[in-house]
Amino acid sequence: MLRDRYTPVDLFALVPAWMLRFEPELAELDRLLEDDQLFQEVKADLSRRRPHTLETGRPSTPVEVILRLLVLQHLYTWSFEQVEHFVNDSLVLRQFARLGLEPVPHATTLLRWANLIQPATLHRLLDRVTELAQRLQVTRGRKLRVDSTVVETTIHYPTDSGLLADGVRVLSRLARRAGDLLARGTEPLFRDRTRSAKRLMRRIHASAAVTGRRAAAAAAQRADLYCRLLEITRASLRQAEAVQQLLTAGAGEAIERVRVQVARFVPLVQQVCAQAQRRVLEGEAVPAADKVVSLFEPHTAVIRRGKVPTPTEFGSKVLLDEVDGGLVTRYVILEGNPPDAPEFPASLEHHRLHFGHPPHTAAADRACSTAANERYAAQAGVVNVAIPKAGRCSVQRRAWEQRSAFRRAARFRAGIEGRISVLKRGFGWRRCRYHGRAGMERWVGWGVLAHNLHQISRTVAARQAA
């Protein structure tokens, strides 16, 4: 049965001699999270865990506690295990999470509840937090700046040999599980080829490191090693397909789980074989959109943005809107590596819907530079549009961009680089720890929410202290 809250217990009143209290920012954050609309949005998602979650079953961890623990997790970039450990160890965090004297939920319990929060719910939570910021006069929405960044997925650096070896390892592991379930694990059908694949992978990596006079011989040897590794991977695929047929005839939840996993990984390993054949043996340049760079995070995109420190990134491209007050009001996770320019009108429209007026100043970098975007912004009522033109500029355009209003807006736009840095260093945007496309949405969304709540509480606390 889904519970809303525990019976209130004031831990600070139980230990008055210690004079326990929240620091000013945490006190403001505590008041922000008392908003009922935030509570109801989260409750609506958690109530879908089972058909009768609201009425029957054991009393659950309360909705209020789950919401506050998830905010703490992303506020301090903790893992679920760290949330359990640190909250259990701190009276202040226990009071903030409204746990009282109740036990802190286990990390796996919190993980299961967290996976029920839908990406659309996080967008609605962000819109509500923006409304609260307006009420508290943290932002007026007079300025808007737009930029994009990449949030990496948790994968090792992809190589063809590594992906092939991963495929053999995963398929062999699933075949072994199937053999145990079917009580037929000693048959040749359930053979494990992982060790052979790993040996070939290491030899391929060693040959790639050879330079000088032996480089040509190493390249010829590498092609032969790839052929052998492909043969082993295709043998594992044939084995997995035969195992899948046996599992289809079986019954039981455990057999069904293994069958689903086999059905998930077989097409991915087939694609890895195809791209390795095309790229290594046939010398074909495989487009980034056609590549699989991880069997476990197949949504990972290959992104090249021309950055010198990181010429190639593996993850998801995220576009964000920031307004005055340092709040991120919108984020979009883009498929692949599309241009930023088509998203600029949507940013202006979202701003108008949630602030009731267009921004006075809208700024972006050259990635959003199109004549259509500038016309759209002018027609939408933006007074000062600052998007530097890409490529060579005419004399008139150069004079336009040298105006003081344009240069002030351009300096304002540069601040979003610092905001992205804060999100990466302090709120987990450097690398996503959740899995899958939905996990990426949740990780990015909770990071933005925690950042905005922290920004609002810090601003209000500083105002009160002044």
Protein backbone atom coordinates (compact mmCIF):
# COMPACT_ATOMS: atom_id res chain seq x y z
CA MET A 1 0.00 0.00 0.00
CA LEU A 2 1.42 3.36 -1.02
CA ARG A 3 1.88 5.73 1.90
CA ASP A 4 2.09 9.51 1.63
CA ARG A 5 4.12 10.37 4.73
CA TYR A 6 5.41 9.03 8.04
CA THR A 7 3.98 10.40 11.27
CA PRO A 8 5.92 13.65 11.85
CA VAL A 9 8.80 13.38 14.31
CA ASP A 10 10.98 16.40 15.12
CA LEU A 11 14.43 14.91 15.68
CA PHE A 12 15.78 18.33 16.56
CA ALA A 13 13.34 18.54 19.48
CA LEU A 14 14.57 15.17 20.78
CA VAL A 15 18.14 16.43 21.10
CA PRO A 16 17.76 20.13 22.05
CA ALA A 17 21.14 20.31 23.70
CA TRP A 18 22.84 19.87 20.33
CA MET A 19 20.93 22.82 18.82
CA LEU A 20 20.55 20.94 15.54
CA ARG A 21 19.18 22.97 12.64
CA PHE A 22 19.32 23.21 8.88
CA GLU A 23 21.84 25.47 7.23
CA PRO A 24 20.00 28.36 5.50
CA GLU A 25 20.13 26.87 1.99
CA LEU A 26 18.90 23.46 3.14
CA ALA A 27 16.10 25.15 5.10
CA GLU A 28 14.92 26.95 1.97
CA LEU A 29 15.17 23.72 -0.03
CA ASP A 30 13.10 21.99 2.65
CA ARG A 31 10.36 24.62 2.22
CA LEU A 32 10.45 24.33 -1.57
CA LEU A 33 9.88 20.57 -1.42
CA GLU A 34 6.75 21.08 0.68
CA ASP A 35 4.96 22.16 -2.51
CA ASP A 36 1.95 19.86 -2.99
CA GLN A 37 2.08 19.89 -6.80
CA LEU A 38 5.59 18.40 -6.77
CA PHE A 39 4.37 15.78 -4.31
CA GLN A 40 1.30 14.85 -6.39
CA GLU A 41 3.29 14.52 -9.63
CA VAL A 42 5.67 12.01 -8.03
CA LYS A 43 2.84 10.17 -6.28
CA ALA A 44 0.99 9.71 -9.57
CA ASP A 45 3.98 7.85 -11.03
CA LEU A 46 4.71 5.76 -7.95
CA SER A 47 1.06 4.67 -7.72
CA ARG A 48 1.45 2.80 -11.04
CA ARG A 49 3.85 0.24 -9.60
CA ARG A 50 1.02 -2.30 -9.14
CA PRO A 51 -2.70 -2.20 -10.05
CA HIS A 52 -3.77 -1.62 -6.42
CA THR A 53 -0.71 0.10 -4.99
CA LEU A 54 -2.81 2.83 -3.37
CA GLU A 55 -5.10 0.44 -1.48
CA THR A 56 -3.44 -2.89 -0.68
CA GLY A 57 -0.09 -4.43 0.22
CA ARG A 58 2.49 -3.67 2.87
CA PRO A 59 2.97 -0.01 3.83
CA SER A 60 5.54 1.43 1.44
CA THR A 61 8.29 3.96 1.82
CA PRO A 62 6.32 7.26 1.77
CA VAL A 63 6.20 9.34 -1.39
CA GLU A 64 7.58 12.37 0.43
CA VAL A 65 10.63 10.41 1.59
CA ILE A 66 11.33 9.06 -1.91
CA LEU A 67 11.11 12.52 -3.46
CA ARG A 68 13.48 14.04 -0.93
CA LEU A 69 15.98 11.17 -1.08
CA LEU A 70 16.15 11.42 -4.88
CA VAL A 71 16.76 15.17 -4.63
CA LEU A 72 19.55 14.52 -2.11
CA GLN A 73 21.09 11.90 -4.38
CA HIS A 74 21.43 14.31 -7.28
CA LEU A 75 22.20 17.32 -5.11
CA TYR A 76 25.34 15.59 -3.82
CA THR A 77 25.88 13.20 -6.80
CA TRP A 78 25.65 10.14 -4.56
CA SER A 79 24.97 6.57 -5.58
CA PHE A 80 21.93 4.81 -4.13
CA GLU A 81 24.22 3.04 -1.65
CA GLN A 82 25.74 6.36 -0.58
CA VAL A 83 22.29 7.87 -0.08
CA GLU A 84 21.38 5.02 2.24
CA HIS A 85 24.67 5.30 4.15
CA PHE A 86 24.88 9.09 4.58
CA VAL A 87 21.21 9.71 5.36
CA ASN A 88 21.22 6.89 7.92
CA ASP A 89 24.28 8.47 9.52
CA SER A 90 22.99 12.08 9.74
CA LEU A 91 20.23 13.46 11.96
CA VAL A 92 20.05 16.59 9.79
CA LEU A 93 19.52 14.61 6.58
CA ARG A 94 17.05 12.32 8.35
CA GLN A 95 15.02 15.38 9.33
CA PHE A 96 15.26 16.79 5.81
CA ALA A 97 14.09 13.49 4.28
CA ARG A 98 11.21 13.34 6.82
CA LEU A 99 12.29 9.90 7.96
CA GLY A 100 12.02 10.52 11.68
CA LEU A 101 13.06 7.35 13.50
CA GLU A 102 12.08 5.07 10.62
CA PRO A 103 14.76 3.02 8.80
CA VAL A 104 16.29 4.44 5.64
CA PRO A 105 15.03 2.47 2.62
CA HIS A 106 17.54 0.03 1.17
CA ALA A 107 19.44 1.16 -1.94
CA THR A 108 17.67 -1.39 -4.15
CA THR A 109 14.27 -0.27 -2.83
CA LEU A 110 15.04 3.34 -3.70
CA LEU A 111 16.31 2.22 -7.11
CA ARG A 112 13.05 0.43 -7.90
CA TRP A 113 10.98 3.45 -6.90
CA ALA A 114 13.26 5.81 -8.86
CA ASN A 115 12.76 3.77 -12.04
CA LEU A 116 9.02 4.47 -11.88
CA ILE A 117 9.48 8.21 -12.39
CA GLN A 118 8.68 8.94 -16.02
CA PRO A 119 10.70 11.41 -18.16
CA ALA A 120 7.54 13.46 -18.87
CA THR A 121 6.97 13.81 -15.12
CA LEU A 122 10.44 15.32 -14.68
CA HIS A 123 9.64 17.95 -17.32
CA ARG A 124 6.45 18.85 -15.44
CA LEU A 125 8.39 19.02 -12.17
CA LEU A 126 10.88 21.37 -13.83
CA ASP A 127 8.07 23.62 -15.08
CA ARG A 128 6.62 23.74 -11.55
CA VAL A 129 10.01 24.63 -10.05
CA THR A 130 10.26 27.46 -12.61
CA GLU A 131 6.86 28.75 -11.41
CA LEU A 132 8.09 28.68 -7.81
CA ALA A 133 11.20 30.62 -8.85
CA GLN A 134 9.04 33.31 -10.44
CA ARG A 135 6.91 33.60 -7.30
CA LEU A 136 10.04 34.00 -5.19
CA GLN A 137 11.38 36.59 -7.68
CA VAL A 138 14.49 34.56 -8.41
CA THR A 139 13.96 35.11 -12.14
CA ARG A 140 11.83 37.33 -14.35
CA GLY A 141 12.56 35.59 -17.61
CA ARG A 142 13.97 38.69 -19.32
CA LYS A 143 17.00 36.91 -20.75
CA LEU A 144 17.38 33.53 -22.45
CA ARG A 145 20.50 31.71 -23.61
CA VAL A 146 20.67 28.38 -25.42
CA ASP A 147 23.49 25.88 -25.85
CA SER A 148 24.11 22.15 -26.06
CA THR A 149 26.49 19.67 -24.49
CA VAL A 150 27.09 15.93 -24.34
CA VAL A 151 26.31 13.68 -21.36
CA GLU A 152 28.40 10.53 -21.72
CA THR A 153 27.06 7.05 -21.13
CA THR A 154 28.88 4.60 -18.89
CA ILE A 155 30.68 2.51 -21.51
CA HIS A 156 34.29 1.57 -22.23
CA TYR A 157 35.94 3.06 -25.30
CA PRO A 158 34.38 1.16 -28.24
CA THR A 159 36.53 -0.90 -30.58
CA ASP A 160 35.39 -3.53 -33.08
CA SER A 161 37.37 -6.27 -31.35
CA GLY A 162 36.10 -5.24 -27.93
CA LEU A 163 32.48 -5.24 -29.09
CA LEU A 164 32.88 -8.65 -30.73
CA ALA A 165 34.42 -10.06 -27.54
CA ASP A 166 31.59 -8.49 -25.49
CA GLY A 167 29.08 -10.17 -27.78
CA VAL A 168 30.69 -13.59 -27.35
CA ARG A 169 30.86 -13.12 -23.57
CA VAL A 170 27.21 -12.08 -23.24
CA LEU A 171 25.85 -14.78 -25.55
CA SER A 172 27.96 -17.47 -23.84
CA ARG A 173 26.74 -16.34 -20.44
CA LEU A 174 23.10 -16.49 -21.56
CA ALA A 175 23.65 -19.92 -23.14
CA ARG A 176 25.14 -21.15 -19.86
CA ARG A 177 22.11 -19.86 -17.93
CA ALA A 178 19.78 -21.51 -20.42
CA GLY A 179 21.67 -24.79 -20.07
CA ASP A 180 21.30 -24.66 -16.28
CA LEU A 181 17.57 -23.96 -16.55
CA LEU A 182 17.02 -26.70 -19.10
CA ALA A 183 19.33 -29.11 -17.22
CA ARG A 184 21.35 -29.62 -20.39
CA GLY A 185 24.42 -27.54 -19.67
CA THR A 186 27.00 -30.19 -20.61
CA GLU A 187 25.97 -30.43 -24.26
CA PRO A 188 28.15 -28.84 -27.00
CA LEU A 189 25.27 -26.46 -27.75
CA PHE A 190 26.07 -24.57 -24.54
CA ARG A 191 29.81 -24.18 -25.15
CA ASP A 192 31.48 -21.06 -23.72
CA ARG A 193 33.79 -19.29 -26.23
CA THR A 194 34.62 -16.30 -24.04
CA ARG A 195 38.26 -17.22 -23.41
CA SER A 196 39.04 -17.70 -27.11
CA ALA A 197 37.43 -14.34 -27.96
CA LYS A 198 39.37 -12.51 -25.25
CA ARG A 199 42.68 -13.96 -26.40
CA LEU A 200 42.06 -12.80 -29.97
CA MET A 201 40.96 -9.37 -28.75
CA ARG A 202 44.19 -8.92 -26.78
CA ARG A 203 46.28 -9.99 -29.77
CA ILE A 204 44.44 -7.48 -31.98
CA HIS A 205 45.10 -4.70 -29.47
CA ALA A 206 48.77 -5.69 -29.27
CA SER A 207 49.14 -5.67 -33.06
CA ALA A 208 47.55 -2.21 -33.26
CA ALA A 209 50.29 -0.87 -30.97
CA VAL A 210 53.11 -2.04 -33.27
CA THR A 211 54.95 0.77 -35.10
CA GLY A 212 57.95 1.11 -37.36
CA ARG A 213 59.14 -1.58 -39.73
CA ARG A 214 56.86 -4.28 -38.32
CA ALA A 215 53.67 -2.22 -38.69
CA ALA A 216 52.79 -3.62 -42.15
CA ALA A 217 53.18 -7.24 -40.99
CA ALA A 218 51.15 -6.47 -37.86
CA ALA A 219 48.34 -4.98 -40.00
CA ALA A 220 48.20 -8.14 -42.15
CA GLN A 221 48.14 -10.29 -39.00
CA ARG A 222 45.41 -8.09 -37.54
CA ALA A 223 43.11 -8.76 -40.50
CA ASP A 224 43.56 -12.50 -39.99
CA LEU A 225 42.85 -12.17 -36.28
CA TYR A 226 39.66 -10.24 -37.03
CA CYS A 227 38.53 -13.02 -39.39
CA ARG A 228 39.00 -15.59 -36.64
CA LEU A 229 37.22 -13.41 -34.08
CA LEU A 230 34.30 -12.92 -36.46
CA GLU A 231 34.08 -16.69 -36.97
CA ILE A 232 33.88 -17.23 -33.21
CA THR A 233 31.25 -14.51 -32.81
CA ARG A 234 29.10 -15.93 -35.62
CA ALA A 235 29.38 -19.40 -34.07
CA SER A 236 28.12 -17.90 -30.79
CA LEU A 237 25.26 -16.30 -32.70
CA ARG A 238 24.24 -19.63 -34.24
CA GLN A 239 24.45 -21.16 -30.80
CA ALA A 240 22.26 -18.39 -29.32
CA GLU A 241 19.64 -18.79 -32.03
CA ALA A 242 19.43 -22.55 -31.36
CA VAL A 243 19.18 -21.91 -27.62
CA GLN A 244 16.42 -19.38 -28.26
CA GLN A 245 14.34 -22.04 -30.01
CA LEU A 246 14.73 -24.36 -27.00
CA LEU A 247 13.73 -21.55 -24.64
CA THR A 248 10.64 -20.75 -26.70
CA ALA A 249 9.39 -24.28 -26.09
CA GLY A 250 10.06 -24.00 -22.34
CA ALA A 251 7.90 -22.48 -19.62
CA GLY A 252 8.51 -20.51 -16.46
CA GLU A 253 9.49 -16.98 -15.44
CA ALA A 254 13.23 -17.70 -15.30
CA ILE A 255 13.22 -19.20 -18.80
CA GLU A 256 11.22 -16.25 -20.10
CA ARG A 257 13.73 -13.77 -18.64
CA VAL A 258 16.64 -15.51 -20.37
CA ARG A 259 14.69 -15.74 -23.63
CA VAL A 260 14.00 -11.99 -23.56
CA GLN A 261 17.68 -11.26 -22.95
CA VAL A 262 18.74 -13.49 -25.86
CA ALA A 263 16.20 -11.78 -28.14
CA ARG A 264 17.60 -8.41 -27.06
CA PHE A 265 21.29 -9.13 -27.62
CA VAL A 266 21.25 -11.29 -30.79
CA PRO A 267 20.30 -8.42 -33.18
CA LEU A 268 22.89 -6.14 -31.56
CA VAL A 269 25.69 -8.70 -31.93
CA GLN A 270 24.63 -9.29 -35.55
CA GLN A 271 24.96 -5.55 -36.19
CA VAL A 272 28.40 -5.51 -34.53
CA CYS A 273 29.51 -8.36 -36.83
CA ALA A 274 28.21 -6.49 -39.88
CA GLN A 275 29.95 -3.22 -39.01
CA ALA A 276 33.24 -4.98 -38.20
CA GLN A 277 33.08 -6.82 -41.55
CA ARG A 278 32.42 -3.58 -43.42
CA ARG A 279 34.93 -1.41 -41.59
CA VAL A 280 37.88 -3.75 -40.96
CA LEU A 281 37.80 -6.33 -43.75
CA GLU A 282 36.16 -4.37 -46.56
CA GLY A 283 37.69 -0.99 -45.72
CA GLU A 284 34.33 0.80 -45.82
CA ALA A 285 33.66 3.95 -43.78
CA VAL A 286 30.60 3.12 -41.67
CA PRO A 287 28.41 6.17 -40.88
CA ALA A 288 28.16 7.05 -37.20
CA ALA A 289 24.36 6.67 -37.29
CA ASP A 290 24.76 3.01 -38.36
CA LYS A 291 27.20 2.07 -35.60
CA VAL A 292 26.58 0.23 -32.35
CA VAL A 293 29.17 1.37 -29.81
CA SER A 294 27.82 -0.54 -26.81
CA LEU A 295 25.77 -3.70 -26.38
CA PHE A 296 24.52 -2.51 -23.00
CA GLU A 297 23.77 1.13 -23.90
CA PRO A 298 22.74 0.82 -27.57
CA HIS A 299 21.22 4.31 -27.61
CA THR A 300 24.74 5.79 -27.27
CA ALA A 301 25.55 8.12 -30.16
CA VAL A 302 28.94 8.94 -31.67
CA ILE A 303 29.22 12.72 -31.42
CA ARG A 304 31.92 14.90 -32.97
CA ARG A 305 31.61 18.61 -32.13
CA GLY A 306 35.08 19.84 -33.08
CA LYS A 307 36.28 20.06 -29.47
CA VAL A 308 40.06 19.70 -29.23
CA PRO A 309 40.22 17.95 -25.81
CA THR A 310 37.46 15.47 -26.74
CA PRO A 311 37.25 15.13 -30.52
CA THR A 312 34.84 12.18 -30.24
CA GLU A 313 32.29 11.71 -27.45
CA PHE A 314 29.98 8.79 -26.76
CA GLY A 315 26.66 9.57 -25.15
CA SER A 316 23.63 11.77 -25.75
CA LYS A 317 23.49 15.35 -26.94
CA VAL A 318 21.49 17.60 -24.59
CA LEU A 319 20.23 21.07 -25.47
CA LEU A 320 19.37 23.38 -22.57
CA ASP A 321 17.76 26.79 -22.05
CA GLU A 322 18.92 29.05 -19.22
CA VAL A 323 17.27 32.27 -18.02
CA ASP A 324 18.42 35.10 -15.79
CA GLY A 325 18.74 33.91 -12.22
CA GLY A 326 20.83 30.94 -13.32
CA LEU A 327 17.91 28.55 -13.84
CA VAL A 328 17.69 25.89 -16.54
CA THR A 329 14.08 26.01 -17.70
CA ARG A 330 14.16 23.41 -20.46
CA TYR A 331 16.30 20.52 -21.64
CA VAL A 332 15.95 18.23 -24.65
CA ILE A 333 17.83 14.99 -25.24
CA LEU A 334 18.45 14.81 -28.98
CA GLU A 335 18.72 11.70 -31.11
CA GLY A 336 22.19 11.23 -32.58
CA ASN A 337 24.13 14.40 -33.37
CA PRO A 338 21.64 16.80 -35.02
CA PRO A 339 22.26 20.55 -35.44
CA ASP A 340 21.16 22.92 -32.68
CA ALA A 341 19.45 25.44 -34.96
CA PRO A 342 16.05 23.67 -35.34
CA GLU A 343 15.55 23.73 -31.55
CA PHE A 344 15.89 27.51 -31.16
CA PRO A 345 12.23 28.37 -32.06
CA ALA A 346 11.02 25.70 -29.60
CA SER A 347 13.11 27.34 -26.87
CA LEU A 348 11.49 30.72 -27.51
CA GLU A 349 8.00 29.21 -27.58
CA HIS A 350 8.57 27.30 -24.33
CA HIS A 351 9.81 30.49 -22.70
CA ARG A 352 6.72 32.43 -23.83
CA LEU A 353 4.35 29.73 -22.56
CA HIS A 354 5.88 29.58 -19.08
CA PHE A 355 6.73 33.24 -18.50
CA GLY A 356 3.83 34.79 -20.39
CA HIS A 357 6.10 36.96 -22.54
CA PRO A 358 9.07 36.56 -24.89
CA PRO A 359 12.56 37.24 -23.52
CA HIS A 360 13.93 40.73 -24.01
CA THR A 361 17.31 39.18 -24.94
CA ALA A 362 17.85 35.81 -26.60
CA ALA A 363 21.41 34.62 -27.21
CA ALA A 364 22.97 31.51 -28.71
CA ASP A 365 26.21 30.50 -30.40
CA ARG A 366 26.91 30.07 -34.12
CA ALA A 367 25.36 26.58 -34.12
CA CYS A 368 21.92 28.31 -34.03
CA SER A 369 22.83 30.89 -36.67
CA THR A 370 20.21 30.89 -39.43
CA ALA A 371 18.25 33.70 -41.01
CA ALA A 372 15.03 31.84 -40.20
CA ASN A 373 15.87 31.76 -36.48
CA GLU A 374 16.58 35.50 -36.40
CA ARG A 375 13.32 36.26 -38.23
CA TYR A 376 11.36 33.98 -35.90
CA ALA A 377 12.84 35.66 -32.81
CA ALA A 378 12.07 39.15 -34.15
CA GLN A 379 8.49 38.17 -34.98
CA ALA A 380 8.09 36.58 -31.54
CA GLY A 381 8.88 39.93 -29.92
CA VAL A 382 12.50 39.46 -28.85
CA VAL A 383 14.10 42.91 -28.72
CA ASN A 384 17.75 41.89 -28.73
CA VAL A 385 18.70 38.76 -30.70
CA ALA A 386 22.39 37.87 -30.38
CA ILE A 387 23.39 34.94 -32.61
CA PRO A 388 26.78 35.46 -34.30
CA LYS A 389 26.71 34.61 -37.98
CA ALA A 390 28.65 31.55 -39.06
CA GLY A 391 31.25 31.99 -41.80
CA ARG A 392 32.29 35.24 -43.45
CA CYS A 393 30.33 38.36 -42.53
CA SER A 394 29.47 41.32 -44.72
CA VAL A 395 30.43 44.83 -43.64
CA GLN A 396 26.85 45.51 -42.56
CA ARG A 397 26.68 42.30 -40.53
CA ARG A 398 30.01 43.02 -38.88
CA ALA A 399 28.79 46.47 -37.88
CA TRP A 400 25.58 44.93 -36.52
CA GLU A 401 27.51 42.51 -34.34
CA GLN A 402 29.76 45.31 -33.05
CA ARG A 403 26.83 47.16 -31.47
CA SER A 404 27.05 47.46 -27.67
CA ALA A 405 23.69 45.70 -27.15
CA PHE A 406 24.81 42.72 -29.24
CA ARG A 407 28.14 42.51 -27.46
CA ARG A 408 26.48 42.63 -24.02
CA ALA A 409 24.16 39.81 -25.07
CA ALA A 410 27.11 37.82 -26.45
CA ARG A 411 28.89 38.17 -23.10
CA PHE A 412 25.71 37.01 -21.38
CA ARG A 413 25.61 33.97 -23.68
CA ALA A 414 29.15 32.99 -22.69
CA GLY A 415 27.91 32.42 -19.15
CA ILE A 416 26.04 29.29 -20.18
CA GLU A 417 29.40 27.58 -20.62
CA GLY A 418 29.95 28.05 -16.91
CA ARG A 419 26.46 26.71 -16.19
CA ILE A 420 27.22 23.57 -18.20
CA SER A 421 30.46 23.20 -16.25
CA VAL A 422 28.53 23.44 -12.95
CA LEU A 423 26.05 20.80 -14.14
CA LYS A 424 28.88 18.48 -15.16
CA ARG A 425 31.01 18.92 -12.05
CA GLY A 426 28.31 19.28 -9.41
CA PHE A 427 25.15 17.59 -10.67
CA GLY A 428 26.27 14.50 -12.55
CA TRP A 429 26.08 15.66 -16.16
CA ARG A 430 29.61 14.48 -16.88
CA ARG A 431 28.48 10.85 -17.13
CA CYS A 432 25.08 9.17 -16.79
CA ARG A 433 24.95 6.42 -14.16
CA TYR A 434 21.47 5.19 -15.07
CA HIS A 435 20.89 2.71 -17.88
CA GLY A 436 18.96 2.96 -21.14
CA ARG A 437 17.35 5.85 -22.94
CA ALA A 438 14.79 6.37 -20.16
CA GLY A 439 17.62 6.25 -17.63
CA MET A 440 19.42 9.04 -19.48
CA GLU A 441 16.22 11.12 -19.39
CA ARG A 442 15.86 10.56 -15.64
CA TRP A 443 19.52 11.25 -14.88
CA VAL A 444 19.57 14.52 -16.82
CA GLY A 445 16.16 15.59 -15.49
CA TRP A 446 16.97 14.98 -11.83
CA GLY A 447 20.29 16.78 -12.28
CA VAL A 448 18.51 19.88 -13.62
CA LEU A 449 15.89 19.74 -10.86
CA ALA A 450 18.51 19.45 -8.13
CA HIS A 451 20.50 22.31 -9.68
CA ASN A 452 17.47 24.62 -9.92
CA LEU A 453 16.27 23.84 -6.39
CA HIS A 454 19.78 24.54 -5.09
CA GLN A 455 19.99 27.77 -7.08
CA ILE A 456 16.62 29.01 -5.81
CA SER A 457 17.36 28.10 -2.17
CA ARG A 458 20.78 29.73 -2.32
CA THR A 459 19.37 32.95 -3.83
CA VAL A 460 16.54 33.20 -1.28
CA ALA A 461 18.86 32.41 1.64
CA ALA A 462 21.38 35.07 0.49
CA ARG A 463 18.57 37.62 0.14
CA GLN A 464 17.34 36.95 3.66
CA ALA A 465 20.86 37.15 5.10
CA ALA A 466 21.52 40.52 3.45
